[in-house]
Each structure stands twice: as structure tokens, then as C-alpha cells.
Amino acid sequence: MSEERSSAWRRRERSRDLTGLGWLEADILRVVWDTGEVTVRDVYERLREDRSIAYTTVMSVLRNLAAKGLLAQDKSAAAYMYRPLVTDEEVARGILDAVVDKIMGGRREPLIEYLRRPLP
């Protein structure tokens, strides 16, 4: 993916968080990344397995993710189709870049050391 496209979603300078994404947006992106191409109904049914959520909420979040440049929205069929425009790795890199810059003062080594530790 192009750097310009993949960075379009990143937080605004005056945003309240470092990621530019909310928890629900991240959960919905995970479904799209795992599936490849989805409808609102696909995501809604998957999320309903773990939580109570409104169909219209899923529809709004998918539309917002498309507006942020993270998803492509195909309106040619009765049910809109969504597919990823950026990978999970690109999003993770953007988040980690923000943490290194804002939290770690540019120091990467402590994060690298942390990530190399075995998982519990």
C-alpha cells in the first residue's frame, strides 16, 4: 500500500488518542482483515457472537473506516461490500510509530526489548 494512503487514517494532531482508531473500529478491522471482503451483515453477525451491538452501529463504523481510507466501499450491489486498503501490519506500524514518537521520545529499544519477551 502507498505510504500516503496508509497514513491518511492516522490520528489528527489534536486527537485525544495515539492510534486514530477506537476499540470497535479495531475489532471491525480485524474481522475485515480475517475475511478479506465483507458486507455489513457479515461483520454484524461476527461481532454479535461476542457482544450486543446494533446493525446500524456496524454500518456507521464501516462507512467511517472507508472515509478514513482504511477500507474500500463497493456500492455496486444491493449490499455494500468492504475490503481492506491497508494491512494490519501497516496500522500496527503507524500506532507503534506514534508510541515511539510521543511516549518514548523517539527511543525504540525499550519497545523492541519488550516485544522480544516471551508471551505469558
PDB file of N, CA and C in Angstrom:
ATOM      1  N   MET A   1       0.838  -1.165   0.000  1.00  0.00           N
ATOM      2  CA  MET A   1       0.000   0.000   0.000  1.00  0.00           C
ATOM      3  C   MET A   1       0.896   1.246   0.000  1.00  0.00           C
ATOM      4  N   SER A   2       0.393   2.312  -0.518  1.00  0.00           N
ATOM      5  CA  SER A   2       1.195   3.519  -0.555  1.00  0.00           C
ATOM      6  C   SER A   2       1.267   4.155   0.822  1.00  0.00           C
ATOM      7  N   GLU A   3       2.377   4.807   1.111  1.00  0.00           N
ATOM      8  CA  GLU A   3       2.552   5.469   2.410  1.00  0.00           C
ATOM      9  C   GLU A   3       1.508   6.556   2.590  1.00  0.00           C
ATOM     10  N   GLU A   4       1.180   7.279   1.512  1.00  0.00           N
ATOM     11  CA  GLU A   4       0.189   8.339   1.603  1.00  0.00           C
ATOM     12  C   GLU A   4      -1.167   7.774   2.006  1.00  0.00           C
ATOM     13  N   ARG A   5      -1.580   6.695   1.397  1.00  0.00           N
ATOM     14  CA  ARG A   5      -2.878   6.098   1.702  1.00  0.00           C
ATOM     15  C   ARG A   5      -2.886   5.508   3.102  1.00  0.00           C
ATOM     16  N   SER A   6      -1.818   4.792   3.465  1.00  0.00           N
ATOM     17  CA  SER A   6      -1.810   4.117   4.756  1.00  0.00           C
ATOM     18  C   SER A   6      -1.705   5.090   5.923  1.00  0.00           C
ATOM     19  N   SER A   7      -1.206   6.284   5.697  1.00  0.00           N
ATOM     20  CA  SER A   7      -1.091   7.232   6.800  1.00  0.00           C
ATOM     21  C   SER A   7      -2.300   8.150   6.893  1.00  0.00           C
ATOM     22  N   ALA A   8      -3.196   8.107   5.951  1.00  0.00           N
ATOM     23  CA  ALA A   8      -4.344   9.009   5.953  1.00  0.00           C
ATOM     24  C   ALA A   8      -5.237   8.808   7.165  1.00  0.00           C
ATOM     25  N   TRP A   9      -5.307   7.623   7.700  1.00  0.00           N
ATOM     26  CA  TRP A   9      -6.167   7.311   8.839  1.00  0.00           C
ATOM     27  C   TRP A   9      -5.584   7.751  10.166  1.00  0.00           C
ATOM     28  N   ARG A  10      -4.279   7.961  10.207  1.00  0.00           N
ATOM     29  CA  ARG A  10      -3.610   8.217  11.492  1.00  0.00           C
ATOM     30  C   ARG A  10      -4.222   9.400  12.212  1.00  0.00           C
ATOM     31  N   ARG A  11      -4.034   9.409  13.488  1.00  0.00           N
ATOM     32  CA  ARG A  11      -4.664  10.405  14.346  1.00  0.00           C
ATOM     33  C   ARG A  11      -4.364  11.823  13.876  1.00  0.00           C
ATOM     34  N   ARG A  12      -5.284  12.680  14.120  1.00  0.00           N
ATOM     35  CA  ARG A  12      -5.068  14.092  13.859  1.00  0.00           C
ATOM     36  C   ARG A  12      -4.194  14.632  14.987  1.00  0.00           C
ATOM     37  N   GLU A  13      -3.496  15.711  14.752  1.00  0.00           N
ATOM     38  CA  GLU A  13      -2.588  16.273  15.748  1.00  0.00           C
ATOM     39  C   GLU A  13      -3.298  16.558  17.063  1.00  0.00           C
ATOM     40  N   ARG A  14      -4.546  16.975  17.019  1.00  0.00           N
ATOM     41  CA  ARG A  14      -5.247  17.318  18.248  1.00  0.00           C
ATOM     42  C   ARG A  14      -6.157  16.197  18.734  1.00  0.00           C
ATOM     43  N   SER A  15      -5.993  15.010  18.213  1.00  0.00           N
ATOM     44  CA  SER A  15      -6.792  13.863  18.629  1.00  0.00           C
ATOM     45  C   SER A  15      -6.508  13.521  20.087  1.00  0.00           C
ATOM     46  N   ARG A  16      -7.475  12.878  20.738  1.00  0.00           N
ATOM     47  CA  ARG A  16      -7.307  12.523  22.139  1.00  0.00           C
ATOM     48  C   ARG A  16      -6.544  11.222  22.329  1.00  0.00           C
ATOM     49  N   ASP A  17      -6.258  10.489  21.284  1.00  0.00           N
ATOM     50  CA  ASP A  17      -5.521   9.240  21.455  1.00  0.00           C
ATOM     51  C   ASP A  17      -4.380   9.144  20.456  1.00  0.00           C
ATOM     52  N   LEU A  18      -3.575   8.114  20.619  1.00  0.00           N
ATOM     53  CA  LEU A  18      -2.409   7.936  19.762  1.00  0.00           C
ATOM     54  C   LEU A  18      -2.701   7.114  18.519  1.00  0.00           C
ATOM     55  N   THR A  19      -3.755   6.323  18.555  1.00  0.00           N
ATOM     56  CA  THR A  19      -3.950   5.349  17.497  1.00  0.00           C
ATOM     57  C   THR A  19      -4.751   5.858  16.316  1.00  0.00           C
ATOM     58  N   GLY A  20      -5.656   6.790  16.538  1.00  0.00           N
ATOM     59  CA  GLY A  20      -6.554   7.211  15.469  1.00  0.00           C
ATOM     60  C   GLY A  20      -7.699   6.243  15.276  1.00  0.00           C
ATOM     61  N   LEU A  21      -7.731   5.163  16.073  1.00  0.00           N
ATOM     62  CA  LEU A  21      -8.777   4.143  15.975  1.00  0.00           C
ATOM     63  C   LEU A  21      -9.384   3.882  17.342  1.00  0.00           C
ATOM     64  N   GLY A  22     -10.691   3.659  17.354  1.00  0.00           N
ATOM     65  CA  GLY A  22     -11.350   3.226  18.576  1.00  0.00           C
ATOM     66  C   GLY A  22     -11.330   1.713  18.672  1.00  0.00           C
ATOM     67  N   TRP A  23     -11.712   1.195  19.838  1.00  0.00           N
ATOM     68  CA  TRP A  23     -11.715  -0.258  20.045  1.00  0.00           C
ATOM     69  C   TRP A  23     -12.668  -0.953  19.081  1.00  0.00           C
ATOM     70  N   LEU A  24     -13.842  -0.388  18.863  1.00  0.00           N
ATOM     71  CA  LEU A  24     -14.799  -1.013  17.946  1.00  0.00           C
ATOM     72  C   LEU A  24     -14.269  -0.986  16.520  1.00  0.00           C
ATOM     73  N   GLU A  25     -13.648   0.120  16.128  1.00  0.00           N
ATOM     74  CA  GLU A  25     -13.044   0.186  14.795  1.00  0.00           C
ATOM     75  C   GLU A  25     -11.975  -0.894  14.639  1.00  0.00           C
ATOM     76  N   ALA A  26     -11.171  -1.075  15.662  1.00  0.00           N
ATOM     77  CA  ALA A  26     -10.123  -2.106  15.608  1.00  0.00           C
ATOM     78  C   ALA A  26     -10.735  -3.500  15.500  1.00  0.00           C
ATOM     79  N   ASP A  27     -11.799  -3.754  16.265  1.00  0.00           N
ATOM     80  CA  ASP A  27     -12.462  -5.060  16.196  1.00  0.00           C
ATOM     81  C   ASP A  27     -13.059  -5.306  14.820  1.00  0.00           C
ATOM     82  N   ILE A  28     -13.658  -4.287  14.244  1.00  0.00           N
ATOM     83  CA  ILE A  28     -14.259  -4.426  12.913  1.00  0.00           C
ATOM     84  C   ILE A  28     -13.174  -4.621  11.862  1.00  0.00           C
ATOM     85  N   LEU A  29     -12.091  -3.882  11.966  1.00  0.00           N
ATOM     86  CA  LEU A  29     -10.981  -4.079  11.025  1.00  0.00           C
ATOM     87  C   LEU A  29     -10.448  -5.501  11.103  1.00  0.00           C
ATOM     88  N   ARG A  30     -10.344  -6.062  12.321  1.00  0.00           N
ATOM     89  CA  ARG A  30      -9.848  -7.434  12.465  1.00  0.00           C
ATOM     90  C   ARG A  30     -10.740  -8.403  11.694  1.00  0.00           C
ATOM     91  N   VAL A  31     -12.056  -8.215  11.767  1.00  0.00           N
ATOM     92  CA  VAL A  31     -12.982  -9.074  11.028  1.00  0.00           C
ATOM     93  C   VAL A  31     -12.738  -8.931   9.529  1.00  0.00           C
ATOM     94  N   VAL A  32     -12.585  -7.698   9.068  1.00  0.00           N
ATOM     95  CA  VAL A  32     -12.359  -7.473   7.631  1.00  0.00           C
ATOM     96  C   VAL A  32     -11.026  -8.076   7.199  1.00  0.00           C
ATOM     97  N   TRP A  33      -9.973  -7.867   7.970  1.00  0.00           N
ATOM     98  CA  TRP A  33      -8.668  -8.442   7.619  1.00  0.00           C
ATOM     99  C   TRP A  33      -8.723  -9.962   7.590  1.00  0.00           C
ATOM    100  N   ASP A  34      -9.423 -10.564   8.531  1.00  0.00           N
ATOM    101  CA  ASP A  34      -9.508 -12.025   8.584  1.00  0.00           C
ATOM    102  C   ASP A  34     -10.355 -12.598   7.457  1.00  0.00           C
ATOM    103  N   THR A  35     -11.327 -11.835   6.996  1.00  0.00           N
ATOM    104  CA  THR A  35     -12.273 -12.324   5.990  1.00  0.00           C
ATOM    105  C   THR A  35     -11.898 -11.905   4.577  1.00  0.00           C
ATOM    106  N   GLY A  36     -11.371 -10.713   4.414  1.00  0.00           N
ATOM    107  CA  GLY A  36     -10.964 -10.229   3.098  1.00  0.00           C
ATOM    108  C   GLY A  36     -11.968  -9.296   2.469  1.00  0.00           C
ATOM    109  N   GLU A  37     -13.182  -9.725   2.331  1.00  0.00           N
ATOM    110  CA  GLU A  37     -14.250  -8.894   1.765  1.00  0.00           C
ATOM    111  C   GLU A  37     -15.524  -9.218   2.531  1.00  0.00           C
ATOM    112  N   VAL A  38     -16.216  -8.185   2.992  1.00  0.00           N
ATOM    113  CA  VAL A  38     -17.358  -8.393   3.870  1.00  0.00           C
ATOM    114  C   VAL A  38     -18.507  -7.460   3.515  1.00  0.00           C
ATOM    115  N   THR A  39     -19.690  -7.839   3.988  1.00  0.00           N
ATOM    116  CA  THR A  39     -20.846  -6.948   3.997  1.00  0.00           C
ATOM    117  C   THR A  39     -21.051  -6.500   5.446  1.00  0.00           C
ATOM    118  N   VAL A  40     -21.922  -5.534   5.626  1.00  0.00           N
ATOM    119  CA  VAL A  40     -22.265  -5.108   6.983  1.00  0.00           C
ATOM    120  C   VAL A  40     -22.803  -6.297   7.765  1.00  0.00           C
ATOM    121  N   ARG A  41     -23.638  -7.095   7.136  1.00  0.00           N
ATOM    122  CA  ARG A  41     -24.233  -8.263   7.801  1.00  0.00           C
ATOM    123  C   ARG A  41     -23.162  -9.244   8.263  1.00  0.00           C
ATOM    124  N   ASP A  42     -22.136  -9.477   7.436  1.00  0.00           N
ATOM    125  CA  ASP A  42     -21.043 -10.380   7.823  1.00  0.00           C
ATOM    126  C   ASP A  42     -20.386  -9.929   9.118  1.00  0.00           C
ATOM    127  N   VAL A  43     -20.058  -8.646   9.178  1.00  0.00           N
ATOM    128  CA  VAL A  43     -19.374  -8.106  10.354  1.00  0.00           C
ATOM    129  C   VAL A  43     -20.317  -8.118  11.552  1.00  0.00           C
ATOM    130  N   TYR A  44     -21.551  -7.716  11.328  1.00  0.00           N
ATOM    131  CA  TYR A  44     -22.554  -7.690  12.391  1.00  0.00           C
ATOM    132  C   TYR A  44     -22.719  -9.076  13.019  1.00  0.00           C
ATOM    133  N   GLU A  45     -22.865 -10.097  12.199  1.00  0.00           N
ATOM    134  CA  GLU A  45     -23.048 -11.459  12.715  1.00  0.00           C
ATOM    135  C   GLU A  45     -21.821 -11.928  13.484  1.00  0.00           C
ATOM    136  N   ARG A  46     -20.643 -11.594  12.994  1.00  0.00           N
ATOM    137  CA  ARG A  46     -19.413 -11.999  13.686  1.00  0.00           C
ATOM    138  C   ARG A  46     -19.302 -11.313  15.044  1.00  0.00           C
ATOM    139  N   LEU A  47     -19.557 -10.007  15.099  1.00  0.00           N
ATOM    140  CA  LEU A  47     -19.442  -9.270  16.351  1.00  0.00           C
ATOM    141  C   LEU A  47     -20.505  -9.684  17.359  1.00  0.00           C
ATOM    142  N   ARG A  48     -21.674 -10.059  16.881  1.00  0.00           N
ATOM    143  CA  ARG A  48     -22.756 -10.481  17.775  1.00  0.00           C
ATOM    144  C   ARG A  48     -22.420 -11.750  18.543  1.00  0.00           C
ATOM    145  N   GLU A  49     -21.455 -12.503  18.072  1.00  0.00           N
ATOM    146  CA  GLU A  49     -21.025 -13.703  18.798  1.00  0.00           C
ATOM    147  C   GLU A  49     -20.430 -13.341  20.156  1.00  0.00           C
ATOM    148  N   ASP A  50     -19.863 -12.134  20.273  1.00  0.00           N
ATOM    149  CA  ASP A  50     -19.157 -11.740  21.487  1.00  0.00           C
ATOM    150  C   ASP A  50     -19.786 -10.576  22.245  1.00  0.00           C
ATOM    151  N   ARG A  51     -20.708  -9.854  21.621  1.00  0.00           N
ATOM    152  CA  ARG A  51     -21.259  -8.662  22.272  1.00  0.00           C
ATOM    153  C   ARG A  51     -22.609  -8.299  21.688  1.00  0.00           C
ATOM    154  N   SER A  52     -23.294  -7.432  22.396  1.00  0.00           N
ATOM    155  CA  SER A  52     -24.541  -6.871  21.895  1.00  0.00           C
ATOM    156  C   SER A  52     -24.184  -5.616  21.104  1.00  0.00           C
ATOM    157  N   ILE A  53     -24.642  -5.552  19.872  1.00  0.00           N
ATOM    158  CA  ILE A  53     -24.310  -4.415  19.017  1.00  0.00           C
ATOM    159  C   ILE A  53     -25.422  -4.221  17.994  1.00  0.00           C
ATOM    160  N   ALA A  54     -25.675  -2.989  17.629  1.00  0.00           N
ATOM    161  CA  ALA A  54     -26.709  -2.678  16.643  1.00  0.00           C
ATOM    162  C   ALA A  54     -26.135  -2.771  15.227  1.00  0.00           C
ATOM    163  N   TYR A  55     -26.958  -3.254  14.316  1.00  0.00           N
ATOM    164  CA  TYR A  55     -26.580  -3.350  12.914  1.00  0.00           C
ATOM    165  C   TYR A  55     -26.168  -1.973  12.383  1.00  0.00           C
ATOM    166  N   THR A  56     -26.940  -0.946  12.764  1.00  0.00           N
ATOM    167  CA  THR A  56     -26.651   0.407  12.269  1.00  0.00           C
ATOM    168  C   THR A  56     -25.317   0.930  12.791  1.00  0.00           C
ATOM    169  N   THR A  57     -24.913   0.486  13.965  1.00  0.00           N
ATOM    170  CA  THR A  57     -23.599   0.879  14.502  1.00  0.00           C
ATOM    171  C   THR A  57     -22.497   0.302  13.628  1.00  0.00           C
ATOM    172  N   VAL A  58     -22.623  -0.969  13.286  1.00  0.00           N
ATOM    173  CA  VAL A  58     -21.633  -1.614  12.421  1.00  0.00           C
ATOM    174  C   VAL A  58     -21.589  -0.911  11.069  1.00  0.00           C
ATOM    175  N   MET A  59     -22.750  -0.587  10.525  1.00  0.00           N
ATOM    176  CA  MET A  59     -22.828   0.098   9.235  1.00  0.00           C
ATOM    177  C   MET A  59     -22.114   1.454   9.303  1.00  0.00           C
ATOM    178  N   SER A  60     -22.361   2.205  10.366  1.00  0.00           N
ATOM    179  CA  SER A  60     -21.726   3.522  10.522  1.00  0.00           C
ATOM    180  C   SER A  60     -20.216   3.414  10.658  1.00  0.00           C
ATOM    181  N   VAL A  61     -19.752   2.447  11.440  1.00  0.00           N
ATOM    182  CA  VAL A  61     -18.304   2.293  11.637  1.00  0.00           C
ATOM    183  C   VAL A  61     -17.632   1.874  10.332  1.00  0.00           C
ATOM    184  N   LEU A  62     -18.232   0.964   9.590  1.00  0.00           N
ATOM    185  CA  LEU A  62     -17.658   0.569   8.296  1.00  0.00           C
ATOM    186  C   LEU A  62     -17.580   1.772   7.359  1.00  0.00           C
ATOM    187  N   ARG A  63     -18.618   2.578   7.325  1.00  0.00           N
ATOM    188  CA  ARG A  63     -18.628   3.777   6.478  1.00  0.00           C
ATOM    189  C   ARG A  63     -17.522   4.738   6.927  1.00  0.00           C
ATOM    190  N   ASN A  64     -17.352   4.911   8.244  1.00  0.00           N
ATOM    191  CA  ASN A  64     -16.303   5.800   8.758  1.00  0.00           C
ATOM    192  C   ASN A  64     -14.907   5.277   8.429  1.00  0.00           C
ATOM    193  N   LEU A  65     -14.726   3.963   8.519  1.00  0.00           N
ATOM    194  CA  LEU A  65     -13.424   3.383   8.183  1.00  0.00           C
ATOM    195  C   LEU A  65     -13.109   3.566   6.699  1.00  0.00           C
ATOM    196  N   ALA A  66     -14.139   3.513   5.862  1.00  0.00           N
ATOM    197  CA  ALA A  66     -13.945   3.794   4.431  1.00  0.00           C
ATOM    198  C   ALA A  66     -13.575   5.262   4.231  1.00  0.00           C
ATOM    199  N   ALA A  67     -14.223   6.156   4.970  1.00  0.00           N
ATOM    200  CA  ALA A  67     -13.922   7.584   4.860  1.00  0.00           C
ATOM    201  C   ALA A  67     -12.502   7.892   5.332  1.00  0.00           C
ATOM    202  N   LYS A  68     -11.986   7.125   6.289  1.00  0.00           N
ATOM    203  CA  LYS A  68     -10.619   7.292   6.780  1.00  0.00           C
ATOM    204  C   LYS A  68      -9.587   6.714   5.827  1.00  0.00           C
ATOM    205  N   GLY A  69     -10.039   6.002   4.796  1.00  0.00           N
ATOM    206  CA  GLY A  69      -9.112   5.416   3.837  1.00  0.00           C
ATOM    207  C   GLY A  69      -8.589   4.053   4.220  1.00  0.00           C
ATOM    208  N   LEU A  70      -9.207   3.427   5.216  1.00  0.00           N
ATOM    209  CA  LEU A  70      -8.773   2.096   5.640  1.00  0.00           C
ATOM    210  C   LEU A  70      -9.471   0.982   4.875  1.00  0.00           C
ATOM    211  N   LEU A  71     -10.677   1.248   4.411  1.00  0.00           N
ATOM    212  CA  LEU A  71     -11.460   0.254   3.677  1.00  0.00           C
ATOM    213  C   LEU A  71     -11.928   0.828   2.357  1.00  0.00           C
ATOM    214  N   ALA A  72     -12.074  -0.053   1.368  1.00  0.00           N
ATOM    215  CA  ALA A  72     -12.735   0.310   0.116  1.00  0.00           C
ATOM    216  C   ALA A  72     -14.200  -0.075   0.254  1.00  0.00           C
ATOM    217  N   GLN A  73     -15.069   0.759  -0.266  1.00  0.00           N
ATOM    218  CA  GLN A  73     -16.509   0.509  -0.201  1.00  0.00           C
ATOM    219  C   GLN A  73     -17.025   0.354  -1.624  1.00  0.00           C
ATOM    220  N   ASP A  74     -17.581  -0.826  -1.934  1.00  0.00           N
ATOM    221  CA  ASP A  74     -18.155  -1.090  -3.246  1.00  0.00           C
ATOM    222  C   ASP A  74     -19.674  -0.981  -3.130  1.00  0.00           C
ATOM    223  N   LYS A  75     -20.240   0.037  -3.782  1.00  0.00           N
ATOM    224  CA  LYS A  75     -21.674   0.306  -3.703  1.00  0.00           C
ATOM    225  C   LYS A  75     -22.445  -0.264  -4.886  1.00  0.00           C
ATOM    226  N   SER A  76     -21.824  -1.104  -5.680  1.00  0.00           N
ATOM    227  CA  SER A  76     -22.457  -1.573  -6.913  1.00  0.00           C
ATOM    228  C   SER A  76     -23.544  -2.619  -6.684  1.00  0.00           C
ATOM    229  N   ALA A  77     -23.507  -3.324  -5.569  1.00  0.00           N
ATOM    230  CA  ALA A  77     -24.513  -4.347  -5.275  1.00  0.00           C
ATOM    231  C   ALA A  77     -25.494  -3.801  -4.238  1.00  0.00           C
ATOM    232  N   ALA A  78     -26.575  -4.543  -4.022  1.00  0.00           N
ATOM    233  CA  ALA A  78     -27.571  -4.127  -3.033  1.00  0.00           C
ATOM    234  C   ALA A  78     -26.942  -4.014  -1.652  1.00  0.00           C
ATOM    235  N   ALA A  79     -26.107  -4.986  -1.288  1.00  0.00           N
ATOM    236  CA  ALA A  79     -25.382  -4.941  -0.019  1.00  0.00           C
ATOM    237  C   ALA A  79     -23.974  -4.421  -0.309  1.00  0.00           C
ATOM    238  N   TYR A  80     -23.617  -3.304   0.292  1.00  0.00           N
ATOM    239  CA  TYR A  80     -22.280  -2.751   0.089  1.00  0.00           C
ATOM    240  C   TYR A  80     -21.231  -3.758   0.531  1.00  0.00           C
ATOM    241  N   MET A  81     -20.154  -3.812  -0.228  1.00  0.00           N
ATOM    242  CA  MET A  81     -19.032  -4.689   0.099  1.00  0.00           C
ATOM    243  C   MET A  81     -17.859  -3.827   0.564  1.00  0.00           C
ATOM    244  N   TYR A  82     -17.145  -4.326   1.548  1.00  0.00           N
ATOM    245  CA  TYR A  82     -15.975  -3.629   2.083  1.00  0.00           C
ATOM    246  C   TYR A  82     -14.781  -4.560   2.026  1.00  0.00           C
ATOM    247  N   ARG A  83     -13.618  -3.981   1.687  1.00  0.00           N
ATOM    248  CA  ARG A  83     -12.374  -4.740   1.691  1.00  0.00           C
ATOM    249  C   ARG A  83     -11.268  -3.825   2.196  1.00  0.00           C
ATOM    250  N   PRO A  84     -10.224  -4.405   2.762  1.00  0.00           N
ATOM    251  CA  PRO A  84      -9.161  -3.571   3.340  1.00  0.00           C
ATOM    252  C   PRO A  84      -8.319  -2.870   2.285  1.00  0.00           C
ATOM    253  N   LEU A  85      -7.942  -1.636   2.577  1.00  0.00           N
ATOM    254  CA  LEU A  85      -7.000  -0.894   1.745  1.00  0.00           C
ATOM    255  C   LEU A  85      -5.614  -0.857   2.372  1.00  0.00           C
ATOM    256  N   VAL A  86      -5.535  -1.156   3.656  1.00  0.00           N
ATOM    257  CA  VAL A  86      -4.258  -1.223   4.367  1.00  0.00           C
ATOM    258  C   VAL A  86      -4.219  -2.536   5.136  1.00  0.00           C
ATOM    259  N   THR A  87      -3.034  -3.005   5.420  1.00  0.00           N
ATOM    260  CA  THR A  87      -2.879  -4.252   6.157  1.00  0.00           C
ATOM    261  C   THR A  87      -2.850  -3.985   7.658  1.00  0.00           C
ATOM    262  N   ASP A  88      -3.034  -5.034   8.418  1.00  0.00           N
ATOM    263  CA  ASP A  88      -2.929  -4.910   9.871  1.00  0.00           C
ATOM    264  C   ASP A  88      -1.512  -4.497  10.270  1.00  0.00           C
ATOM    265  N   GLU A  89      -0.525  -4.947   9.535  1.00  0.00           N
ATOM    266  CA  GLU A  89       0.856  -4.563   9.834  1.00  0.00           C
ATOM    267  C   GLU A  89       1.089  -3.077   9.617  1.00  0.00           C
ATOM    268  N   GLU A  90       0.490  -2.516   8.567  1.00  0.00           N
ATOM    269  CA  GLU A  90       0.631  -1.072   8.321  1.00  0.00           C
ATOM    270  C   GLU A  90      -0.011  -0.258   9.446  1.00  0.00           C
ATOM    271  N   VAL A  91      -1.164  -0.691   9.903  1.00  0.00           N
ATOM    272  CA  VAL A  91      -1.826   0.006  11.003  1.00  0.00           C
ATOM    273  C   VAL A  91      -0.997  -0.124  12.280  1.00  0.00           C
ATOM    274  N   ALA A  92      -0.495  -1.319  12.560  1.00  0.00           N
ATOM    275  CA  ALA A  92       0.329  -1.528  13.754  1.00  0.00           C
ATOM    276  C   ALA A  92       1.582  -0.656  13.699  1.00  0.00           C
ATOM    277  N   ARG A  93       2.209  -0.563  12.536  1.00  0.00           N
ATOM    278  CA  ARG A  93       3.394   0.289  12.402  1.00  0.00           C
ATOM    279  C   ARG A  93       3.059   1.738  12.702  1.00  0.00           C
ATOM    280  N   GLY A  94       1.919   2.202  12.218  1.00  0.00           N
ATOM    281  CA  GLY A  94       1.514   3.583  12.485  1.00  0.00           C
ATOM    282  C   GLY A  94       1.301   3.838  13.962  1.00  0.00           C
ATOM    283  N   ILE A  95       0.668   2.875  14.634  1.00  0.00           N
ATOM    284  CA  ILE A  95       0.433   3.013  16.072  1.00  0.00           C
ATOM    285  C   ILE A  95       1.760   2.989  16.830  1.00  0.00           C
ATOM    286  N   LEU A  96       2.621   2.055  16.480  1.00  0.00           N
ATOM    287  CA  LEU A  96       3.920   1.972  17.154  1.00  0.00           C
ATOM    288  C   LEU A  96       4.777   3.207  16.892  1.00  0.00           C
ATOM    289  N   ASP A  97       4.714   3.755  15.689  1.00  0.00           N
ATOM    290  CA  ASP A  97       5.435   4.998  15.400  1.00  0.00           C
ATOM    291  C   ASP A  97       4.969   6.123  16.319  1.00  0.00           C
ATOM    292  N   ALA A  98       3.654   6.207  16.546  1.00  0.00           N
ATOM    293  CA  ALA A  98       3.115   7.239  17.436  1.00  0.00           C
ATOM    294  C   ALA A  98       3.590   7.022  18.865  1.00  0.00           C
ATOM    295  N   VAL A  99       3.623   5.771  19.325  1.00  0.00           N
ATOM    296  CA  VAL A  99       4.088   5.467  20.685  1.00  0.00           C
ATOM    297  C   VAL A  99       5.568   5.822  20.813  1.00  0.00           C
ATOM    298  N   VAL A 100       6.371   5.431  19.846  1.00  0.00           N
ATOM    299  CA  VAL A 100       7.805   5.740  19.896  1.00  0.00           C
ATOM    300  C   VAL A 100       8.011   7.251  19.929  1.00  0.00           C
ATOM    301  N   ASP A 101       7.286   7.969  19.097  1.00  0.00           N
ATOM    302  CA  ASP A 101       7.452   9.413  18.999  1.00  0.00           C
ATOM    303  C   ASP A 101       6.962  10.131  20.254  1.00  0.00           C
ATOM    304  N   LYS A 102       5.721   9.883  20.635  1.00  0.00           N
ATOM    305  CA  LYS A 102       5.093  10.665  21.703  1.00  0.00           C
ATOM    306  C   LYS A 102       5.364  10.151  23.111  1.00  0.00           C
ATOM    307  N   ILE A 103       5.415   8.857  23.287  1.00  0.00           N
ATOM    308  CA  ILE A 103       5.581   8.290  24.624  1.00  0.00           C
ATOM    309  C   ILE A 103       7.048   8.016  24.943  1.00  0.00           C
ATOM    310  N   MET A 104       7.757   7.456  23.981  1.00  0.00           N
ATOM    311  CA  MET A 104       9.139   7.030  24.228  1.00  0.00           C
ATOM    312  C   MET A 104      10.174   8.088  23.818  1.00  0.00           C
ATOM    313  N   GLY A 105       9.735   9.231  23.340  1.00  0.00           N
ATOM    314  CA  GLY A 105      10.678  10.285  22.961  1.00  0.00           C
ATOM    315  C   GLY A 105      11.633   9.872  21.866  1.00  0.00           C
ATOM    316  N   GLY A 106      11.163   8.993  20.976  1.00  0.00           N
ATOM    317  CA  GLY A 106      11.983   8.532  19.866  1.00  0.00           C
ATOM    318  C   GLY A 106      12.810   7.290  20.156  1.00  0.00           C
ATOM    319  N   ARG A 107      12.801   6.822  21.396  1.00  0.00           N
ATOM    320  CA  ARG A 107      13.587   5.641  21.764  1.00  0.00           C
ATOM    321  C   ARG A 107      12.819   4.366  21.421  1.00  0.00           C
ATOM    322  N   ARG A 108      13.371   3.553  20.563  1.00  0.00           N
ATOM    323  CA  ARG A 108      12.730   2.299  20.148  1.00  0.00           C
ATOM    324  C   ARG A 108      13.184   1.092  20.955  1.00  0.00           C
ATOM    325  N   GLU A 109      14.389   1.155  21.478  1.00  0.00           N
ATOM    326  CA  GLU A 109      14.998  -0.012  22.123  1.00  0.00           C
ATOM    327  C   GLU A 109      14.132  -0.619  23.234  1.00  0.00           C
ATOM    328  N   PRO A 110      13.562   0.194  24.145  1.00  0.00           N
ATOM    329  CA  PRO A 110      12.732  -0.430  25.183  1.00  0.00           C
ATOM    330  C   PRO A 110      11.537  -1.200  24.619  1.00  0.00           C
ATOM    331  N   LEU A 111      10.952  -0.703  23.554  1.00  0.00           N
ATOM    332  CA  LEU A 111       9.822  -1.407  22.938  1.00  0.00           C
ATOM    333  C   LEU A 111      10.273  -2.682  22.245  1.00  0.00           C
ATOM    334  N   ILE A 112      11.399  -2.609  21.583  1.00  0.00           N
ATOM    335  CA  ILE A 112      11.936  -3.804  20.920  1.00  0.00           C
ATOM    336  C   ILE A 112      12.222  -4.883  21.947  1.00  0.00           C
ATOM    337  N   GLU A 113      12.832  -4.485  23.052  1.00  0.00           N
ATOM    338  CA  GLU A 113      13.126  -5.433  24.118  1.00  0.00           C
ATOM    339  C   GLU A 113      11.825  -6.034  24.668  1.00  0.00           C
ATOM    340  N   TYR A 114      10.838  -5.205  24.876  1.00  0.00           N
ATOM    341  CA  TYR A 114       9.555  -5.685  25.378  1.00  0.00           C
ATOM    342  C   TYR A 114       8.909  -6.681  24.413  1.00  0.00           C
ATOM    343  N   LEU A 115       8.927  -6.377  23.143  1.00  0.00           N
ATOM    344  CA  LEU A 115       8.296  -7.248  22.145  1.00  0.00           C
ATOM    345  C   LEU A 115       9.027  -8.583  21.970  1.00  0.00           C
ATOM    346  N   ARG A 116      10.294  -8.618  22.306  1.00  0.00           N
ATOM    347  CA  ARG A 116      11.060  -9.862  22.196  1.00  0.00           C
ATOM    348  C   ARG A 116      10.833 -10.798  23.369  1.00  0.00           C
ATOM    349  N   ARG A 117      10.234 -10.299  24.446  1.00  0.00           N
ATOM    350  CA  ARG A 117       9.973 -11.154  25.611  1.00  0.00           C
ATOM    351  C   ARG A 117       8.961 -12.246  25.246  1.00  0.00           C
ATOM    352  N   PRO A 118       9.114 -13.414  25.870  1.00  0.00           N
ATOM    353  CA  PRO A 118       8.140 -14.480  25.608  1.00  0.00           C
ATOM    354  C   PRO A 118       6.757 -14.070  26.117  1.00  0.00           C
ATOM    355  N   LEU A 119       5.749 -14.513  25.422  1.00  0.00           N
ATOM    356  CA  LEU A 119       4.377 -14.246  25.855  1.00  0.00           C
ATOM    357  C   LEU A 119       4.079 -15.046  27.109  1.00  0.00           C
ATOM    358  N   PRO A 120       3.250 -14.490  28.006  1.00  0.00           N
ATOM    359  CA  PRO A 120       2.922 -15.210  29.248  1.00  0.00           C
ATOM    360  C   PRO A 120       2.134 -16.489  28.981  1.00  0.00           C
TER     361      PRO A 120
END
